PDB file of N, CA and C in Angstrom:
ATOM      1  N   MET A   1     102.877 236.751 234.848  1.00  0.00           N
ATOM      2  CA  MET A   1     103.726 237.353 235.858  1.00  0.00           C
ATOM      3  C   MET A   1     104.522 238.514 235.271  1.00  0.00           C
ATOM      4  N   ASP A   2     104.921 238.413 234.019  1.00  0.00           N
ATOM      5  CA  ASP A   2     105.677 239.491 233.396  1.00  0.00           C
ATOM      6  C   ASP A   2     104.887 240.790 233.354  1.00  0.00           C
ATOM      7  N   TYR A   3     103.592 240.673 233.121  1.00  0.00           N
ATOM      8  CA  TYR A   3     102.752 241.865 233.027  1.00  0.00           C
ATOM      9  C   TYR A   3     102.761 242.638 234.340  1.00  0.00           C
ATOM     10  N   TRP A   4     102.602 241.943 235.458  1.00  0.00           N
ATOM     11  CA  TRP A   4     102.528 242.616 236.753  1.00  0.00           C
ATOM     12  C   TRP A   4     103.868 243.190 237.182  1.00  0.00           C
ATOM     13  N   SER A   5     104.940 242.503 236.925  1.00  0.00           N
ATOM     14  CA  SER A   5     106.255 243.057 237.294  1.00  0.00           C
ATOM     15  C   SER A   5     106.584 244.273 236.436  1.00  0.00           C
ATOM     16  N   ALA A   6     106.203 244.260 235.177  1.00  0.00           N
ATOM     17  CA  ALA A   6     106.411 245.428 234.321  1.00  0.00           C
ATOM     18  C   ALA A   6     105.560 246.598 234.799  1.00  0.00           C
ATOM     19  N   ALA A   7     104.344 246.312 235.232  1.00  0.00           N
ATOM     20  CA  ALA A   7     103.468 247.369 235.733  1.00  0.00           C
ATOM     21  C   ALA A   7     104.041 247.989 237.006  1.00  0.00           C
ATOM     22  N   VAL A   8     104.547 247.160 237.898  1.00  0.00           N
ATOM     23  CA  VAL A   8     105.132 247.661 239.146  1.00  0.00           C
ATOM     24  C   VAL A   8     106.382 248.482 238.854  1.00  0.00           C
ATOM     25  N   TRP A   9     107.252 247.980 237.993  1.00  0.00           N
ATOM     26  CA  TRP A   9     108.484 248.699 237.678  1.00  0.00           C
ATOM     27  C   TRP A   9     108.217 249.996 236.907  1.00  0.00           C
ATOM     28  N   SER A  10     107.131 250.056 236.185  1.00  0.00           N
ATOM     29  CA  SER A  10     106.850 251.286 235.443  1.00  0.00           C
ATOM     30  C   SER A  10     106.231 252.361 236.335  1.00  0.00           C
ATOM     31  N   ILE A  11     105.530 251.964 237.389  1.00  0.00           N
ATOM     32  CA  ILE A  11     104.897 252.957 238.259  1.00  0.00           C
ATOM     33  C   ILE A  11     105.767 253.301 239.469  1.00  0.00           C
ATOM     34  N   ALA A  12     106.742 252.486 239.784  1.00  0.00           N
ATOM     35  CA  ALA A  12     107.598 252.707 240.953  1.00  0.00           C
ATOM     36  C   ALA A  12     108.326 254.053 240.925  1.00  0.00           C
ATOM     37  N   PRO A  13     108.966 254.460 239.820  1.00  0.00           N
ATOM     38  CA  PRO A  13     109.652 255.760 239.835  1.00  0.00           C
ATOM     39  C   PRO A  13     108.704 256.931 240.118  1.00  0.00           C
ATOM     40  N   THR A  14     107.499 256.867 239.583  1.00  0.00           N
ATOM     41  CA  THR A  14     106.520 257.926 239.825  1.00  0.00           C
ATOM     42  C   THR A  14     106.149 257.973 241.295  1.00  0.00           C
ATOM     43  N   LEU A  15     105.918 256.841 241.904  1.00  0.00           N
ATOM     44  CA  LEU A  15     105.563 256.800 243.320  1.00  0.00           C
ATOM     45  C   LEU A  15     106.711 257.282 244.199  1.00  0.00           C
ATOM     46  N   ILE A  16     107.927 256.939 243.840  1.00  0.00           N
ATOM     47  CA  ILE A  16     109.087 257.366 244.624  1.00  0.00           C
ATOM     48  C   ILE A  16     109.257 258.885 244.538  1.00  0.00           C
ATOM     49  N   VAL A  17     109.119 259.437 243.341  1.00  0.00           N
ATOM     50  CA  VAL A  17     109.242 260.886 243.174  1.00  0.00           C
ATOM     51  C   VAL A  17     108.123 261.607 243.926  1.00  0.00           C
ATOM     52  N   CYS A  18     106.904 261.074 243.874  1.00  0.00           N
ATOM     53  CA  CYS A  18     105.782 261.679 244.609  1.00  0.00           C
ATOM     54  C   CYS A  18     106.033 261.653 246.113  1.00  0.00           C
ATOM     55  N   ALA A  19     106.521 260.546 246.619  1.00  0.00           N
ATOM     56  CA  ALA A  19     106.810 260.442 248.046  1.00  0.00           C
ATOM     57  C   ALA A  19     107.914 261.410 248.450  1.00  0.00           C
ATOM     58  N   LEU A  20     108.950 261.504 247.640  1.00  0.00           N
ATOM     59  CA  LEU A  20     110.041 262.434 247.914  1.00  0.00           C
ATOM     60  C   LEU A  20     109.540 263.870 247.917  1.00  0.00           C
ATOM     61  N   PHE A  21     108.727 264.226 246.945  1.00  0.00           N
ATOM     62  CA  PHE A  21     108.152 265.566 246.865  1.00  0.00           C
ATOM     63  C   PHE A  21     107.296 265.854 248.089  1.00  0.00           C
ATOM     64  N   PHE A  22     106.498 264.884 248.516  1.00  0.00           N
ATOM     65  CA  PHE A  22     105.643 265.044 249.686  1.00  0.00           C
ATOM     66  C   PHE A  22     106.462 265.345 250.932  1.00  0.00           C
ATOM     67  N   PHE A  23     107.524 264.571 251.167  1.00  0.00           N
ATOM     68  CA  PHE A  23     108.322 264.756 252.375  1.00  0.00           C
ATOM     69  C   PHE A  23     109.103 266.073 252.348  1.00  0.00           C
ATOM     70  N   ILE A  24     109.575 266.482 251.183  1.00  0.00           N
ATOM     71  CA  ILE A  24     110.276 267.762 251.079  1.00  0.00           C
ATOM     72  C   ILE A  24     109.311 268.906 251.344  1.00  0.00           C
ATOM     73  N   LEU A  25     108.137 268.852 250.733  1.00  0.00           N
ATOM     74  CA  LEU A  25     107.148 269.907 250.935  1.00  0.00           C
ATOM     75  C   LEU A  25     106.687 269.961 252.391  1.00  0.00           C
ATOM     76  N   ARG A  26     106.505 268.805 253.001  1.00  0.00           N
ATOM     77  CA  ARG A  26     106.104 268.739 254.407  1.00  0.00           C
ATOM     78  C   ARG A  26     107.171 269.373 255.304  1.00  0.00           C
ATOM     79  N   ALA A  27     108.436 269.114 255.009  1.00  0.00           N
ATOM     80  CA  ALA A  27     109.521 269.697 255.802  1.00  0.00           C
ATOM     81  C   ALA A  27     109.557 271.214 255.655  1.00  0.00           C
ATOM     82  N   VAL A  28     109.310 271.712 254.454  1.00  0.00           N
ATOM     83  CA  VAL A  28     109.300 273.159 254.230  1.00  0.00           C
ATOM     84  C   VAL A  28     108.160 273.811 254.994  1.00  0.00           C
ATOM     85  N   VAL A  29     106.984 273.202 254.949  1.00  0.00           N
ATOM     86  CA  VAL A  29     105.821 273.769 255.646  1.00  0.00           C
ATOM     87  C   VAL A  29     106.043 273.754 257.158  1.00  0.00           C
ATOM     88  N   ARG A  30     106.596 272.682 257.669  1.00  0.00           N
ATOM     89  CA  ARG A  30     106.866 272.613 259.115  1.00  0.00           C
ATOM     90  C   ARG A  30     107.913 273.633 259.537  1.00  0.00           C
ATOM     91  N   ALA A  31     108.945 273.811 258.726  1.00  0.00           N
ATOM     92  CA  ALA A  31     109.985 274.795 259.050  1.00  0.00           C
ATOM     93  C   ALA A  31     109.396 276.199 259.049  1.00  0.00           C
ATOM     94  N   ASP A  32     108.537 276.486 258.094  1.00  0.00           N
ATOM     95  CA  ASP A  32     107.905 277.799 258.029  1.00  0.00           C
ATOM     96  C   ASP A  32     107.022 278.037 259.245  1.00  0.00           C
ATOM     97  N   ARG A  33     106.249 277.029 259.629  1.00  0.00           N
ATOM     98  CA  ARG A  33     105.369 277.165 260.792  1.00  0.00           C
ATOM     99  C   ARG A  33     106.188 277.415 262.057  1.00  0.00           C
ATOM    100  N   THR A  34     107.283 276.690 262.221  1.00  0.00           N
ATOM    101  CA  THR A  34     108.137 276.861 263.395  1.00  0.00           C
ATOM    102  C   THR A  34     108.770 278.242 263.399  1.00  0.00           C
ATOM    103  N   GLU A  35     109.233 278.685 262.239  1.00  0.00           N
ATOM    104  CA  GLU A  35     109.862 280.003 262.156  1.00  0.00           C
ATOM    105  C   GLU A  35     108.862 281.104 262.494  1.00  0.00           C
ATOM    106  N   ARG A  36     107.632 280.979 262.014  1.00  0.00           N
ATOM    107  CA  ARG A  36     106.612 281.981 262.327  1.00  0.00           C
ATOM    108  C   ARG A  36     106.305 282.003 263.826  1.00  0.00           C
ATOM    109  N   LYS A  37     106.262 280.828 264.439  1.00  0.00           N
ATOM    110  CA  LYS A  37     105.981 280.742 265.871  1.00  0.00           C
ATOM    111  C   LYS A  37     107.087 281.416 266.681  1.00  0.00           C
ATOM    112  N   VAL A  38     108.327 281.148 266.318  1.00  0.00           N
ATOM    113  CA  VAL A  38     109.466 281.747 267.024  1.00  0.00           C
ATOM    114  C   VAL A  38     109.472 283.261 266.809  1.00  0.00           C
ATOM    115  N   HIS A  39     109.199 283.686 265.599  1.00  0.00           N
ATOM    116  CA  HIS A  39     109.175 285.123 265.306  1.00  0.00           C
ATOM    117  C   HIS A  39     108.087 285.824 266.124  1.00  0.00           C
ATOM    118  N   ALA A  40     106.921 285.208 266.235  1.00  0.00           N
ATOM    119  CA  ALA A  40     105.832 285.800 267.018  1.00  0.00           C
ATOM    120  C   ALA A  40     106.214 285.883 268.492  1.00  0.00           C
ATOM    121  N   LYS A  41     106.900 284.875 268.984  1.00  0.00           N
ATOM    122  CA  LYS A  41     107.323 284.882 270.388  1.00  0.00           C
ATOM    123  C   LYS A  41     108.325 286.009 270.645  1.00  0.00           C
ATOM    124  N   ILE A  42     109.283 286.150 269.745  1.00  0.00           N
ATOM    125  CA  ILE A  42     110.285 287.213 269.893  1.00  0.00           C
ATOM    126  C   ILE A  42     109.609 288.575 269.805  1.00  0.00           C
ATOM    127  N   GLU A  43     108.689 288.733 268.876  1.00  0.00           N
ATOM    128  CA  GLU A  43     107.989 290.003 268.744  1.00  0.00           C
ATOM    129  C   GLU A  43     107.183 290.323 270.005  1.00  0.00           C
ATOM    130  N   ALA A  44     106.518 289.323 270.574  1.00  0.00           N
ATOM    131  CA  ALA A  44     105.750 289.541 271.806  1.00  0.00           C
ATOM    132  C   ALA A  44     106.670 289.946 272.948  1.00  0.00           C
ATOM    133  N   GLU A  45     107.846 289.317 273.040  1.00  0.00           N
ATOM    134  CA  GLU A  45     108.801 289.681 274.088  1.00  0.00           C
ATOM    135  C   GLU A  45     109.292 291.119 273.910  1.00  0.00           C
ATOM    136  N   GLU A  46     109.563 291.509 272.679  1.00  0.00           N
ATOM    137  CA  GLU A  46     110.027 292.871 272.413  1.00  0.00           C
ATOM    138  C   GLU A  46     108.936 293.902 272.737  1.00  0.00           C
ATOM    139  N   ARG A  47     107.704 293.584 272.393  1.00  0.00           N
ATOM    140  CA  ARG A  47     106.599 294.496 272.701  1.00  0.00           C
ATOM    141  C   ARG A  47     106.418 294.620 274.217  1.00  0.00           C
ATOM    142  N   ALA A  48     106.574 293.518 274.928  1.00  0.00           N
ATOM    143  CA  ALA A  48     106.439 293.550 276.389  1.00  0.00           C
ATOM    144  C   ALA A  48     107.555 294.385 277.024  1.00  0.00           C
ATOM    145  N   LYS A  49     108.771 294.279 276.482  1.00  0.00           N
ATOM    146  CA  LYS A  49     109.889 295.074 277.002  1.00  0.00           C
ATOM    147  C   LYS A  49     109.618 296.564 276.853  1.00  0.00           C
ATOM    148  N   ARG A  50     108.987 296.935 275.770  1.00  0.00           N
ATOM    149  CA  ARG A  50     108.733 298.354 275.498  1.00  0.00           C
ATOM    150  C   ARG A  50     107.433 298.846 276.126  1.00  0.00           C
ATOM    151  N   GLY A  51     106.705 297.966 276.759  1.00  0.00           N
ATOM    152  CA  GLY A  51     105.467 298.345 277.421  1.00  0.00           C
ATOM    153  C   GLY A  51     104.300 298.520 276.475  1.00  0.00           C
ATOM    154  N   LEU A  52     104.382 297.913 275.295  1.00  0.00           N
ATOM    155  CA  LEU A  52     103.304 298.005 274.313  1.00  0.00           C
ATOM    156  C   LEU A  52     102.303 296.882 274.546  1.00  0.00           C
ATOM    157  N   PRO A  53     101.045 297.099 274.178  1.00  0.00           N
ATOM    158  CA  PRO A  53     100.061 296.028 274.332  1.00  0.00           C
ATOM    159  C   PRO A  53     100.301 294.914 273.310  1.00  0.00           C
ATOM    160  N   PRO A  54      99.837 293.711 273.599  1.00  0.00           N
ATOM    161  CA  PRO A  54     100.004 292.612 272.630  1.00  0.00           C
ATOM    162  C   PRO A  54      99.256 292.907 271.343  1.00  0.00           C
ATOM    163  N   VAL A  55      99.732 292.323 270.275  1.00  0.00           N
ATOM    164  CA  VAL A  55      99.094 292.501 268.972  1.00  0.00           C
ATOM    165  C   VAL A  55      97.761 291.760 268.971  1.00  0.00           C
ATOM    166  N   ALA A  56      96.721 292.402 268.450  1.00  0.00           N
ATOM    167  CA  ALA A  56      95.392 291.771 268.400  1.00  0.00           C
ATOM    168  C   ALA A  56      95.446 290.571 267.466  1.00  0.00           C
ATOM    169  N   GLY A  57      94.784 289.496 267.883  1.00  0.00           N
ATOM    170  CA  GLY A  57      94.710 288.285 267.052  1.00  0.00           C
ATOM    171  C   GLY A  57      95.890 287.364 267.207  1.00  0.00           C
ATOM    172  N   SER A  58      96.760 287.612 268.188  1.00  0.00           N
ATOM    173  CA  SER A  58      97.921 286.744 268.363  1.00  0.00           C
ATOM    174  C   SER A  58      97.696 285.665 269.413  1.00  0.00           C
ATOM    175  N   GLY A  59      96.452 285.493 269.865  1.00  0.00           N
ATOM    176  CA  GLY A  59      96.176 284.508 270.901  1.00  0.00           C
ATOM    177  C   GLY A  59      95.902 283.123 270.361  1.00  0.00           C
ATOM    178  N   ARG A  60      96.814 282.597 269.553  1.00  0.00           N
ATOM    179  CA  ARG A  60      96.622 281.263 268.957  1.00  0.00           C
ATOM    180  C   ARG A  60      97.146 280.195 269.832  1.00  0.00           C
TER     181      ARG A  60
END
């Protein structure tokens, strides 16, 4: 039993740090995606106000 508890306690910090890194990176990627979407929307509204055609390739 000592062997398995030592194995779990030795790998636990690595797993916790990996999980923390994953969630932080996921939050950064989601924030970037949202910011790009909002920026594209604002840009499209500004182009429409000025009577310019939509940017090619923005039909996502």
